[in-house]
Amino acid sequence: ALKADLADYYGEEINHSRLYQNLDILVEHDLVTQKPRDGRTNEYSLTDAARHAIQARRVWQARGETA
């Protein structure tokens, strides 16, 4: 589902292996958690740190738009 959502957002096909490389980096930086869903599928979730980072970026962007 994530791959399809990203492809829709960017308007181009997303490379499967590159997606998982990027997800692994987010896991390493404690921005995303990974857990197995079944024998071949992982489930990913945002951490509190990621939610705080997203909120901080939104605040930063809003300040830039009003300045």
PDB file of N, CA and C in Angstrom:
ATOM      1  N   ALA A   1       0.826  -1.193   0.000  1.00  0.00           N
ATOM      2  CA  ALA A   1       0.000   0.000   0.000  1.00  0.00           C
ATOM      3  C   ALA A   1       0.870   1.256   0.000  1.00  0.00           C
ATOM      4  N   LEU A   2       1.950   1.233   0.781  1.00  0.00           N
ATOM      5  CA  LEU A   2       2.843   2.394   0.840  1.00  0.00           C
ATOM      6  C   LEU A   2       3.458   2.673  -0.522  1.00  0.00           C
ATOM      7  N   LYS A   3       3.904   1.626  -1.197  1.00  0.00           N
ATOM      8  CA  LYS A   3       4.513   1.787  -2.518  1.00  0.00           C
ATOM      9  C   LYS A   3       3.516   2.424  -3.485  1.00  0.00           C
ATOM     10  N   ALA A   4       2.277   1.969  -3.469  1.00  0.00           N
ATOM     11  CA  ALA A   4       1.247   2.521  -4.350  1.00  0.00           C
ATOM     12  C   ALA A   4       0.953   3.977  -3.998  1.00  0.00           C
ATOM     13  N   ASP A   5       0.861   4.285  -2.717  1.00  0.00           N
ATOM     14  CA  ASP A   5       0.609   5.667  -2.292  1.00  0.00           C
ATOM     15  C   ASP A   5       1.737   6.594  -2.731  1.00  0.00           C
ATOM     16  N   LEU A   6       2.980   6.141  -2.579  1.00  0.00           N
ATOM     17  CA  LEU A   6       4.117   6.962  -3.006  1.00  0.00           C
ATOM     18  C   LEU A   6       4.141   7.147  -4.519  1.00  0.00           C
ATOM     19  N   ALA A   7       3.825   6.098  -5.256  1.00  0.00           N
ATOM     20  CA  ALA A   7       3.774   6.204  -6.716  1.00  0.00           C
ATOM     21  C   ALA A   7       2.709   7.210  -7.138  1.00  0.00           C
ATOM     22  N   ASP A   8       1.555   7.187  -6.491  1.00  0.00           N
ATOM     23  CA  ASP A   8       0.500   8.158  -6.781  1.00  0.00           C
ATOM     24  C   ASP A   8       0.965   9.575  -6.450  1.00  0.00           C
ATOM     25  N   TYR A   9       1.613   9.736  -5.309  1.00  0.00           N
ATOM     26  CA  TYR A   9       2.058  11.062  -4.863  1.00  0.00           C
ATOM     27  C   TYR A   9       3.096  11.648  -5.819  1.00  0.00           C
ATOM     28  N   TYR A  10       4.086  10.831  -6.209  1.00  0.00           N
ATOM     29  CA  TYR A  10       5.170  11.317  -7.058  1.00  0.00           C
ATOM     30  C   TYR A  10       4.880  11.191  -8.545  1.00  0.00           C
ATOM     31  N   GLY A  11       3.832  10.456  -8.898  1.00  0.00           N
ATOM     32  CA  GLY A  11       3.476  10.330 -10.303  1.00  0.00           C
ATOM     33  C   GLY A  11       4.411   9.443 -11.102  1.00  0.00           C
ATOM     34  N   GLU A  12       5.104   8.555 -10.436  1.00  0.00           N
ATOM     35  CA  GLU A  12       6.007   7.628 -11.124  1.00  0.00           C
ATOM     36  C   GLU A  12       6.158   6.351 -10.302  1.00  0.00           C
ATOM     37  N   GLU A  13       6.591   5.313 -10.969  1.00  0.00           N
ATOM     38  CA  GLU A  13       6.772   4.021 -10.312  1.00  0.00           C
ATOM     39  C   GLU A  13       7.896   4.102  -9.277  1.00  0.00           C
ATOM     40  N   ILE A  14       7.703   3.450  -8.149  1.00  0.00           N
ATOM     41  CA  ILE A  14       8.688   3.427  -7.073  1.00  0.00           C
ATOM     42  C   ILE A  14       9.466   2.120  -7.146  1.00  0.00           C
ATOM     43  N   ASN A  15      10.799   2.227  -7.115  1.00  0.00           N
ATOM     44  CA  ASN A  15      11.662   1.046  -7.141  1.00  0.00           C
ATOM     45  C   ASN A  15      11.511   0.280  -5.835  1.00  0.00           C
ATOM     46  N   HIS A  16      11.125  -0.984  -5.953  1.00  0.00           N
ATOM     47  CA  HIS A  16      10.837  -1.834  -4.792  1.00  0.00           C
ATOM     48  C   HIS A  16      12.029  -1.920  -3.833  1.00  0.00           C
ATOM     49  N   SER A  17      13.206  -2.209  -4.346  1.00  0.00           N
ATOM     50  CA  SER A  17      14.368  -2.379  -3.459  1.00  0.00           C
ATOM     51  C   SER A  17      14.774  -1.061  -2.819  1.00  0.00           C
ATOM     52  N   ARG A  18      14.661   0.031  -3.548  1.00  0.00           N
ATOM     53  CA  ARG A  18      15.022   1.341  -2.992  1.00  0.00           C
ATOM     54  C   ARG A  18      14.052   1.733  -1.876  1.00  0.00           C
ATOM     55  N   LEU A  19      12.789   1.399  -2.040  1.00  0.00           N
ATOM     56  CA  LEU A  19      11.800   1.681  -0.998  1.00  0.00           C
ATOM     57  C   LEU A  19      12.207   1.012   0.307  1.00  0.00           C
ATOM     58  N   TYR A  20      12.567  -0.262   0.226  1.00  0.00           N
ATOM     59  CA  TYR A  20      12.930  -0.993   1.441  1.00  0.00           C
ATOM     60  C   TYR A  20      14.259  -0.520   2.017  1.00  0.00           C
ATOM     61  N   GLN A  21      15.185  -0.082   1.172  1.00  0.00           N
ATOM     62  CA  GLN A  21      16.426   0.508   1.683  1.00  0.00           C
ATOM     63  C   GLN A  21      16.117   1.764   2.488  1.00  0.00           C
ATOM     64  N   ASN A  22      15.234   2.588   1.972  1.00  0.00           N
ATOM     65  CA  ASN A  22      14.859   3.816   2.675  1.00  0.00           C
ATOM     66  C   ASN A  22      14.103   3.516   3.964  1.00  0.00           C
ATOM     67  N   LEU A  23      13.222   2.528   3.938  1.00  0.00           N
ATOM     68  CA  LEU A  23      12.519   2.144   5.161  1.00  0.00           C
ATOM     69  C   LEU A  23      13.499   1.640   6.218  1.00  0.00           C
ATOM     70  N   ASP A  24      14.492   0.867   5.793  1.00  0.00           N
ATOM     71  CA  ASP A  24      15.516   0.391   6.734  1.00  0.00           C
ATOM     72  C   ASP A  24      16.256   1.554   7.388  1.00  0.00           C
ATOM     73  N   ILE A  25      16.547   2.591   6.626  1.00  0.00           N
ATOM     74  CA  ILE A  25      17.229   3.768   7.177  1.00  0.00           C
ATOM     75  C   ILE A  25      16.337   4.461   8.205  1.00  0.00           C
ATOM     76  N   LEU A  26      15.052   4.570   7.904  1.00  0.00           N
ATOM     77  CA  LEU A  26      14.123   5.183   8.857  1.00  0.00           C
ATOM     78  C   LEU A  26      14.027   4.362  10.138  1.00  0.00           C
ATOM     79  N   VAL A  27      14.069   3.037  10.022  1.00  0.00           N
ATOM     80  CA  VAL A  27      14.068   2.158  11.198  1.00  0.00           C
ATOM     81  C   VAL A  27      15.333   2.389  12.008  1.00  0.00           C
ATOM     82  N   GLU A  28      16.486   2.456  11.335  1.00  0.00           N
ATOM     83  CA  GLU A  28      17.763   2.680  12.023  1.00  0.00           C
ATOM     84  C   GLU A  28      17.782   4.000  12.788  1.00  0.00           C
ATOM     85  N   HIS A  29      17.085   5.001  12.267  1.00  0.00           N
ATOM     86  CA  HIS A  29      17.043   6.324  12.909  1.00  0.00           C
ATOM     87  C   HIS A  29      15.873   6.441  13.893  1.00  0.00           C
ATOM     88  N   ASP A  30      15.231   5.329  14.197  1.00  0.00           N
ATOM     89  CA  ASP A  30      14.118   5.289  15.148  1.00  0.00           C
ATOM     90  C   ASP A  30      12.963   6.214  14.777  1.00  0.00           C
ATOM     91  N   LEU A  31      12.738   6.368  13.477  1.00  0.00           N
ATOM     92  CA  LEU A  31      11.598   7.152  13.012  1.00  0.00           C
ATOM     93  C   LEU A  31      10.437   6.261  12.607  1.00  0.00           C
ATOM     94  N   VAL A  32      10.734   4.985  12.356  1.00  0.00           N
ATOM     95  CA  VAL A  32       9.735   4.006  11.946  1.00  0.00           C
ATOM     96  C   VAL A  32      10.031   2.704  12.667  1.00  0.00           C
ATOM     97  N   THR A  33       8.985   2.017  13.085  1.00  0.00           N
ATOM     98  CA  THR A  33       9.157   0.672  13.642  1.00  0.00           C
ATOM     99  C   THR A  33       8.737  -0.334  12.583  1.00  0.00           C
ATOM    100  N   GLN A  34       9.361  -1.496  12.642  1.00  0.00           N
ATOM    101  CA  GLN A  34       9.073  -2.559  11.686  1.00  0.00           C
ATOM    102  C   GLN A  34       8.745  -3.825  12.463  1.00  0.00           C
ATOM    103  N   LYS A  35       7.658  -4.487  12.062  1.00  0.00           N
ATOM    104  CA  LYS A  35       7.347  -5.780  12.660  1.00  0.00           C
ATOM    105  C   LYS A  35       6.752  -6.672  11.581  1.00  0.00           C
ATOM    106  N   PRO A  36       6.999  -7.974  11.679  1.00  0.00           N
ATOM    107  CA  PRO A  36       6.464  -8.878  10.670  1.00  0.00           C
ATOM    108  C   PRO A  36       4.947  -8.987  10.770  1.00  0.00           C
ATOM    109  N   ARG A  37       4.304  -8.985   9.629  1.00  0.00           N
ATOM    110  CA  ARG A  37       2.850  -9.149   9.582  1.00  0.00           C
ATOM    111  C   ARG A  37       2.508 -10.603   9.275  1.00  0.00           C
ATOM    112  N   ASP A  38       3.204 -11.162   8.296  1.00  0.00           N
ATOM    113  CA  ASP A  38       3.064 -12.577   7.969  1.00  0.00           C
ATOM    114  C   ASP A  38       4.418 -13.058   7.444  1.00  0.00           C
ATOM    115  N   GLY A  39       4.460 -14.173   6.786  1.00  0.00           N
ATOM    116  CA  GLY A  39       5.726 -14.743   6.347  1.00  0.00           C
ATOM    117  C   GLY A  39       6.512 -13.908   5.361  1.00  0.00           C
ATOM    118  N   ARG A  40       5.871 -12.988   4.652  1.00  0.00           N
ATOM    119  CA  ARG A  40       6.585 -12.207   3.650  1.00  0.00           C
ATOM    120  C   ARG A  40       6.290 -10.711   3.694  1.00  0.00           C
ATOM    121  N   THR A  41       5.506 -10.273   4.643  1.00  0.00           N
ATOM    122  CA  THR A  41       5.095  -8.876   4.702  1.00  0.00           C
ATOM    123  C   THR A  41       5.484  -8.267   6.040  1.00  0.00           C
ATOM    124  N   ASN A  42       6.023  -7.070   5.987  1.00  0.00           N
ATOM    125  CA  ASN A  42       6.320  -6.309   7.198  1.00  0.00           C
ATOM    126  C   ASN A  42       5.305  -5.194   7.351  1.00  0.00           C
ATOM    127  N   GLU A  43       5.112  -4.801   8.574  1.00  0.00           N
ATOM    128  CA  GLU A  43       4.231  -3.679   8.890  1.00  0.00           C
ATOM    129  C   GLU A  43       5.099  -2.575   9.468  1.00  0.00           C
ATOM    130  N   TYR A  44       4.911  -1.361   9.001  1.00  0.00           N
ATOM    131  CA  TYR A  44       5.702  -0.219   9.450  1.00  0.00           C
ATOM    132  C   TYR A  44       4.790   0.805  10.114  1.00  0.00           C
ATOM    133  N   SER A  45       5.309   1.437  11.169  1.00  0.00           N
ATOM    134  CA  SER A  45       4.554   2.469  11.883  1.00  0.00           C
ATOM    135  C   SER A  45       5.487   3.608  12.244  1.00  0.00           C
ATOM    136  N   LEU A  46       4.940   4.815  12.271  1.00  0.00           N
ATOM    137  CA  LEU A  46       5.721   5.964  12.717  1.00  0.00           C
ATOM    138  C   LEU A  46       5.941   5.891  14.218  1.00  0.00           C
ATOM    139  N   THR A  47       7.098   6.341  14.659  1.00  0.00           N
ATOM    140  CA  THR A  47       7.377   6.442  16.084  1.00  0.00           C
ATOM    141  C   THR A  47       6.954   7.827  16.570  1.00  0.00           C
ATOM    142  N   ASP A  48       6.967   8.010  17.879  1.00  0.00           N
ATOM    143  CA  ASP A  48       6.674   9.339  18.433  1.00  0.00           C
ATOM    144  C   ASP A  48       7.692  10.355  17.937  1.00  0.00           C
ATOM    145  N   ALA A  49       8.953   9.945  17.811  1.00  0.00           N
ATOM    146  CA  ALA A  49       9.990  10.857  17.321  1.00  0.00           C
ATOM    147  C   ALA A  49       9.657  11.336  15.908  1.00  0.00           C
ATOM    148  N   ALA A  50       9.153  10.444  15.065  1.00  0.00           N
ATOM    149  CA  ALA A  50       8.777  10.822  13.701  1.00  0.00           C
ATOM    150  C   ALA A  50       7.596  11.780  13.715  1.00  0.00           C
ATOM    151  N   ARG A  51       6.627  11.497  14.562  1.00  0.00           N
ATOM    152  CA  ARG A  51       5.464  12.391  14.648  1.00  0.00           C
ATOM    153  C   ARG A  51       5.880  13.791  15.098  1.00  0.00           C
ATOM    154  N   HIS A  52       6.800  13.864  16.051  1.00  0.00           N
ATOM    155  CA  HIS A  52       7.299  15.162  16.515  1.00  0.00           C
ATOM    156  C   HIS A  52       8.068  15.870  15.396  1.00  0.00           C
ATOM    157  N   ALA A  53       8.866  15.132  14.643  1.00  0.00           N
ATOM    158  CA  ALA A  53       9.630  15.717  13.539  1.00  0.00           C
ATOM    159  C   ALA A  53       8.694  16.256  12.461  1.00  0.00           C
ATOM    160  N   ILE A  54       7.645  15.513  12.162  1.00  0.00           N
ATOM    161  CA  ILE A  54       6.673  15.963  11.162  1.00  0.00           C
ATOM    162  C   ILE A  54       5.967  17.228  11.639  1.00  0.00           C
ATOM    163  N   GLN A  55       5.583  17.245  12.897  1.00  0.00           N
ATOM    164  CA  GLN A  55       4.920  18.428  13.443  1.00  0.00           C
ATOM    165  C   GLN A  55       5.850  19.639  13.437  1.00  0.00           C
ATOM    166  N   ALA A  56       7.108  19.431  13.805  1.00  0.00           N
ATOM    167  CA  ALA A  56       8.083  20.528  13.793  1.00  0.00           C
ATOM    168  C   ALA A  56       8.267  21.068  12.378  1.00  0.00           C
ATOM    169  N   ARG A  57       8.291  20.184  11.394  1.00  0.00           N
ATOM    170  CA  ARG A  57       8.426  20.635   9.997  1.00  0.00           C
ATOM    171  C   ARG A  57       7.201  21.435   9.565  1.00  0.00           C
ATOM    172  N   ARG A  58       6.033  20.988   9.960  1.00  0.00           N
ATOM    173  CA  ARG A  58       4.807  21.727   9.603  1.00  0.00           C
ATOM    174  C   ARG A  58       4.829  23.132  10.194  1.00  0.00           C
ATOM    175  N   VAL A  59       5.277  23.245  11.442  1.00  0.00           N
ATOM    176  CA  VAL A  59       5.381  24.562  12.084  1.00  0.00           C
ATOM    177  C   VAL A  59       6.395  25.417  11.337  1.00  0.00           C
ATOM    178  N   TRP A  60       7.541  24.840  11.016  1.00  0.00           N
ATOM    179  CA  TRP A  60       8.583  25.551  10.284  1.00  0.00           C
ATOM    180  C   TRP A  60       8.068  26.024   8.928  1.00  0.00           C
ATOM    181  N   GLN A  61       7.360  25.145   8.216  1.00  0.00           N
ATOM    182  CA  GLN A  61       6.810  25.531   6.909  1.00  0.00           C
ATOM    183  C   GLN A  61       5.772  26.645   7.053  1.00  0.00           C
ATOM    184  N   ALA A  62       4.932  26.553   8.066  1.00  0.00           N
ATOM    185  CA  ALA A  62       3.908  27.584   8.263  1.00  0.00           C
ATOM    186  C   ALA A  62       4.536  28.931   8.552  1.00  0.00           C
ATOM    187  N   ARG A  63       5.612  28.933   9.294  1.00  0.00           N
ATOM    188  CA  ARG A  63       6.301  30.200   9.577  1.00  0.00           C
ATOM    189  C   ARG A  63       6.887  30.791   8.322  1.00  0.00           C
ATOM    190  N   GLY A  64       7.412  29.953   7.452  1.00  0.00           N
ATOM    191  CA  GLY A  64       7.994  30.425   6.200  1.00  0.00           C
ATOM    192  C   GLY A  64       6.955  30.962   5.238  1.00  0.00           C
ATOM    193  N   GLU A  65       5.761  30.401   5.289  1.00  0.00           N
ATOM    194  CA  GLU A  65       4.713  30.838   4.383  1.00  0.00           C
ATOM    195  C   GLU A  65       4.114  32.174   4.813  1.00  0.00           C
ATOM    196  N   THR A  66       4.169  32.481   6.109  1.00  0.00           N
ATOM    197  CA  THR A  66       3.575  33.738   6.562  1.00  0.00           C
ATOM    198  C   THR A  66       4.589  34.867   6.625  1.00  0.00           C
ATOM    199  N   ALA A  67       5.860  34.550   6.486  1.00  0.00           N
ATOM    200  CA  ALA A  67       6.904  35.584   6.602  1.00  0.00           C
ATOM    201  C   ALA A  67       7.028  36.361   5.322  1.00  0.00           C
TER     202      ALA A  67
END
